[in-house]
N, C-alpha and C. Protein backbone atom coordinates (compact mmCIF):
# COMPACT_ATOMS: atom_id res chain seq x y z
N MET A 1 66.05 119.92 81.57
CA MET A 1 66.96 120.83 81.48
C MET A 1 67.83 119.73 79.64
N THR A 2 68.18 121.06 79.29
CA THR A 2 68.54 120.37 77.76
C THR A 2 70.34 119.98 77.83
N GLU A 3 70.30 119.98 77.43
CA GLU A 3 71.82 118.03 77.77
C GLU A 3 72.86 119.13 76.69
N LYS A 4 73.72 119.45 76.91
CA LYS A 4 74.91 120.06 76.61
C LYS A 4 75.47 119.03 75.04
N PRO A 5 75.64 120.11 73.95
CA PRO A 5 75.84 119.20 73.06
C PRO A 5 77.93 118.14 73.72
N ILE A 6 77.88 116.68 73.72
CA ILE A 6 79.10 116.10 74.25
C ILE A 6 80.66 117.01 73.49
N SER A 7 80.20 117.69 72.30
CA SER A 7 81.99 117.92 71.55
C SER A 7 81.77 119.14 72.42
N ASP A 8 80.99 119.20 73.28
CA ASP A 8 81.24 120.95 73.64
C ASP A 8 81.63 121.12 75.38
N LEU A 9 81.24 119.68 75.46
CA LEU A 9 82.26 118.89 77.57
C LEU A 9 83.22 119.53 77.60
N SER A 10 84.01 119.98 78.73
CA SER A 10 84.83 119.74 78.96
C SER A 10 85.38 117.83 79.08
N PHE A 11 86.57 117.59 79.67
CA PHE A 11 86.49 116.40 80.33
C PHE A 11 86.02 116.21 81.48
N GLU A 12 85.40 117.65 82.58
CA GLU A 12 85.10 116.99 84.19
C GLU A 12 84.29 116.98 83.94
N GLU A 13 83.18 117.89 83.16
CA GLU A 13 82.04 117.49 82.52
C GLU A 13 81.08 116.61 81.73
N ALA A 14 81.79 116.33 81.26
CA ALA A 14 81.67 114.87 80.97
C ALA A 14 81.82 113.42 81.61
N MET A 15 83.29 113.38 82.10
CA MET A 15 83.08 111.68 83.09
C MET A 15 81.90 112.64 84.47
N ALA A 16 81.80 114.07 84.34
CA ALA A 16 80.45 113.71 84.97
C ALA A 16 79.39 113.24 85.05
N GLU A 17 78.75 113.71 84.36
CA GLU A 17 78.25 112.71 83.24
C GLU A 17 77.58 112.33 82.75
N LEU A 18 78.73 111.15 82.63
CA LEU A 18 79.29 109.78 82.44
C LEU A 18 78.26 109.42 84.15
N GLU A 19 79.04 109.96 84.94
CA GLU A 19 78.78 109.25 86.90
C GLU A 19 77.41 109.38 86.97
N ARG A 20 76.46 110.97 86.48
CA ARG A 20 75.29 110.43 86.94
C ARG A 20 74.81 109.30 85.39
N VAL A 21 75.16 108.51 84.66
CA VAL A 21 74.32 107.69 83.11
C VAL A 21 74.47 106.99 83.81
N VAL A 22 75.81 106.19 84.31
CA VAL A 22 75.62 104.66 84.90
C VAL A 22 75.11 105.28 86.22
N GLY A 23 74.79 105.82 86.62
CA GLY A 23 74.02 105.76 88.52
C GLY A 23 72.19 105.33 87.75
N GLN A 24 72.36 106.34 87.36
CA GLN A 24 70.68 105.87 86.37
C GLN A 24 70.53 104.28 86.56
N LEU A 25 71.91 104.36 85.31
CA LEU A 25 71.79 103.01 85.05
C LEU A 25 71.67 101.43 85.44
N GLU A 26 72.21 102.30 86.75
CA GLU A 26 72.20 100.84 88.10
C GLU A 26 71.26 100.56 88.36
N ARG A 27 70.45 101.84 88.85
CA ARG A 27 70.21 101.92 90.19
C ARG A 27 68.88 101.21 89.02
N GLY A 28 68.53 100.84 87.91
CA GLY A 28 67.10 100.43 86.87
C GLY A 28 65.96 100.73 87.11
N ASP A 29 65.64 101.88 87.34
CA ASP A 29 64.46 102.40 87.68
C ASP A 29 64.28 103.57 86.77
N VAL A 30 64.83 103.69 85.51
CA VAL A 30 64.43 104.10 83.88
C VAL A 30 63.91 102.46 83.62
N ALA A 31 63.11 103.81 82.51
CA ALA A 31 62.02 102.52 81.50
C ALA A 31 62.32 102.53 80.58
N LEU A 32 62.90 101.23 79.65
CA LEU A 32 63.69 100.89 79.20
C LEU A 32 64.02 101.81 77.48
N GLU A 33 63.04 101.70 76.37
CA GLU A 33 64.18 103.15 75.49
C GLU A 33 64.61 104.54 76.39
N ALA A 34 64.23 104.93 77.85
CA ALA A 34 65.75 105.62 78.35
C ALA A 34 66.26 105.11 78.63
N SER A 35 66.34 104.00 79.14
CA SER A 35 67.72 103.43 79.13
C SER A 35 68.75 103.52 78.29
N ILE A 36 67.92 103.21 77.08
CA ILE A 36 68.75 102.55 76.11
C ILE A 36 69.55 104.35 75.70
N ALA A 37 68.98 105.49 75.88
CA ALA A 37 68.80 106.65 74.59
C ALA A 37 69.53 106.97 76.51
N LEU A 38 70.48 106.87 77.67
CA LEU A 38 71.03 106.97 78.06
C LEU A 38 71.90 106.62 77.52
N TYR A 39 72.20 104.63 77.91
CA TYR A 39 73.04 104.44 77.39
C TYR A 39 74.58 104.81 75.58
N GLU A 40 73.19 104.71 75.27
CA GLU A 40 73.86 105.68 73.71
C GLU A 40 74.56 106.55 73.66
N ARG A 41 74.64 108.07 75.21
CA ARG A 41 74.25 109.12 75.32
C ARG A 41 75.94 109.07 76.42
N GLY A 42 75.55 108.11 77.05
CA GLY A 42 76.86 107.07 78.00
C GLY A 42 78.56 106.73 77.62
N ASP A 43 78.17 105.91 76.41
CA ASP A 43 79.01 105.07 75.21
C ASP A 43 79.82 106.19 74.77
N ALA A 44 78.54 106.89 74.69
CA ALA A 44 79.27 109.07 73.53
C ALA A 44 80.66 109.23 74.25
N LEU A 45 79.25 109.64 75.71
CA LEU A 45 80.42 110.42 76.30
C LEU A 45 81.75 109.60 77.00
N LYS A 46 81.64 108.11 76.78
CA LYS A 46 82.95 107.51 77.21
C LYS A 46 83.74 107.90 76.17
N LYS A 47 83.34 107.98 74.99
CA LYS A 47 84.28 107.40 73.66
C LYS A 47 85.54 109.88 73.71
N HIS A 48 84.20 110.33 73.84
CA HIS A 48 84.74 111.76 74.38
C HIS A 48 85.64 112.03 75.68
N CYS A 49 85.19 111.47 76.81
CA CYS A 49 86.75 110.77 77.53
C CYS A 49 87.33 110.59 76.78
N ALA A 50 88.08 109.19 76.03
CA ALA A 50 88.55 108.34 75.80
C ALA A 50 89.62 109.56 74.25
N LYS A 51 88.90 109.96 73.35
CA LYS A 51 89.63 111.18 73.29
C LYS A 51 89.96 112.68 74.31
N LYS A 52 89.55 113.01 75.27
CA LYS A 52 89.99 114.26 75.43
C LYS A 52 91.62 113.88 76.12
N LEU A 53 91.70 112.29 76.33
CA LEU A 53 92.58 112.15 77.43
C LEU A 53 93.68 111.57 76.26
N ALA A 54 93.43 110.99 75.63
CA ALA A 54 93.94 110.98 73.59
C ALA A 54 95.32 111.80 73.82
N ASP A 55 94.27 112.98 73.77
CA ASP A 55 94.29 114.18 73.30
C ASP A 55 95.88 115.06 73.78
N ALA A 56 95.19 114.68 75.87
CA ALA A 56 96.22 115.35 76.34
C ALA A 56 97.50 114.56 76.32
N GLU A 57 97.76 113.27 75.99
CA GLU A 57 98.47 112.54 76.52
C GLU A 57 99.46 112.84 75.09
N ALA A 58 98.59 113.06 74.31
CA ALA A 58 100.30 113.57 72.81
C ALA A 58 100.76 114.80 72.68
N LYS A 59 99.84 115.96 73.59
CA LYS A 59 100.66 116.56 73.86
C LYS A 59 102.06 116.85 75.25
N VAL A 60 101.37 116.31 75.88
CA VAL A 60 102.57 115.70 77.32
C VAL A 60 103.03 115.56 75.96
N GLU A 61 103.78 114.13 75.56
CA GLU A 61 105.07 113.79 74.72
C GLU A 61 105.34 114.84 73.64
N LEU A 62 104.12 116.26 73.57
CA LEU A 62 105.37 117.09 72.20
C LEU A 62 106.32 117.55 73.30
N ILE A 63 105.34 118.40 74.55
CA ILE A 63 106.19 119.19 75.11
C ILE A 63 107.25 118.41 76.14
N ARG A 64 106.91 117.01 76.36
CA ARG A 64 108.38 115.93 76.48
C ARG A 64 109.64 116.34 75.44
N ALA A 65 109.09 116.24 74.57
CA ALA A 65 110.01 115.20 72.69
C ALA A 65 110.52 117.16 72.81
N ALA A 66 109.83 117.99 72.98
CA ALA A 66 110.07 119.68 72.77
C ALA A 66 111.53 119.50 74.43
N GLU A 67 111.23 119.30 74.97
CA GLU A 67 112.44 119.52 75.87
C GLU A 67 113.42 118.25 76.12
N GLY A 68 113.73 116.97 74.95
CA GLY A 68 113.92 116.48 74.70
C GLY A 68 114.05 115.22 75.88
N LYS A 69 113.70 114.67 76.24
CA LYS A 69 113.13 113.87 76.82
C LYS A 69 112.65 113.01 76.95
N ALA A 70 112.74 111.75 77.25
CA ALA A 70 112.32 110.80 76.96
C ALA A 70 110.59 110.40 76.41
N VAL A 71 110.21 109.64 74.89
CA VAL A 71 109.01 110.12 74.88
C VAL A 71 108.03 109.16 75.17
N GLY A 72 107.09 108.22 74.71
CA GLY A 72 105.87 107.22 75.30
C GLY A 72 105.91 107.11 76.50
N THR A 73 105.79 106.28 76.51
CA THR A 73 105.45 105.01 78.10
C THR A 73 106.09 104.59 79.23
N ALA A 74 106.86 104.31 80.19
CA ALA A 74 107.04 103.48 80.38
C ALA A 74 106.32 102.14 81.60
N PRO A 75 107.00 101.33 82.00
CA PRO A 75 106.59 99.46 82.17
C PRO A 75 105.97 100.84 83.27
N MET A 76 104.59 100.01 84.72
CA MET A 76 104.60 99.94 85.80
C MET A 76 106.22 99.41 86.34
N GLU A 77 106.31 100.22 87.66
CA GLU A 77 106.91 98.93 88.74
C GLU A 77 106.16 97.88 89.15
N GLY A 78 106.44 96.79 88.96
CA GLY A 78 105.95 95.36 89.22
C GLY A 78 105.37 95.02 87.99
N ALA A 79 105.14 95.22 86.91
CA ALA A 79 103.95 95.14 85.31
C ALA A 79 105.35 94.15 84.58
């Protein structure tokens, strides 16, 4: 199976692949070199997901600002 470039993955695709990577690493049945490669891909997937989330949050803030609503985050109840 050819791995799709991470930059081409949607958030959902990246999360699903990250879950598979974590599962493989947790099982511990992967050779050392393969584990290192999996860890590196997992780290890149995590960063990709974080960027996608940050981009989505920025878009929501722009929409809220355009609607004249407060921009930013509010603390959770009880926090």
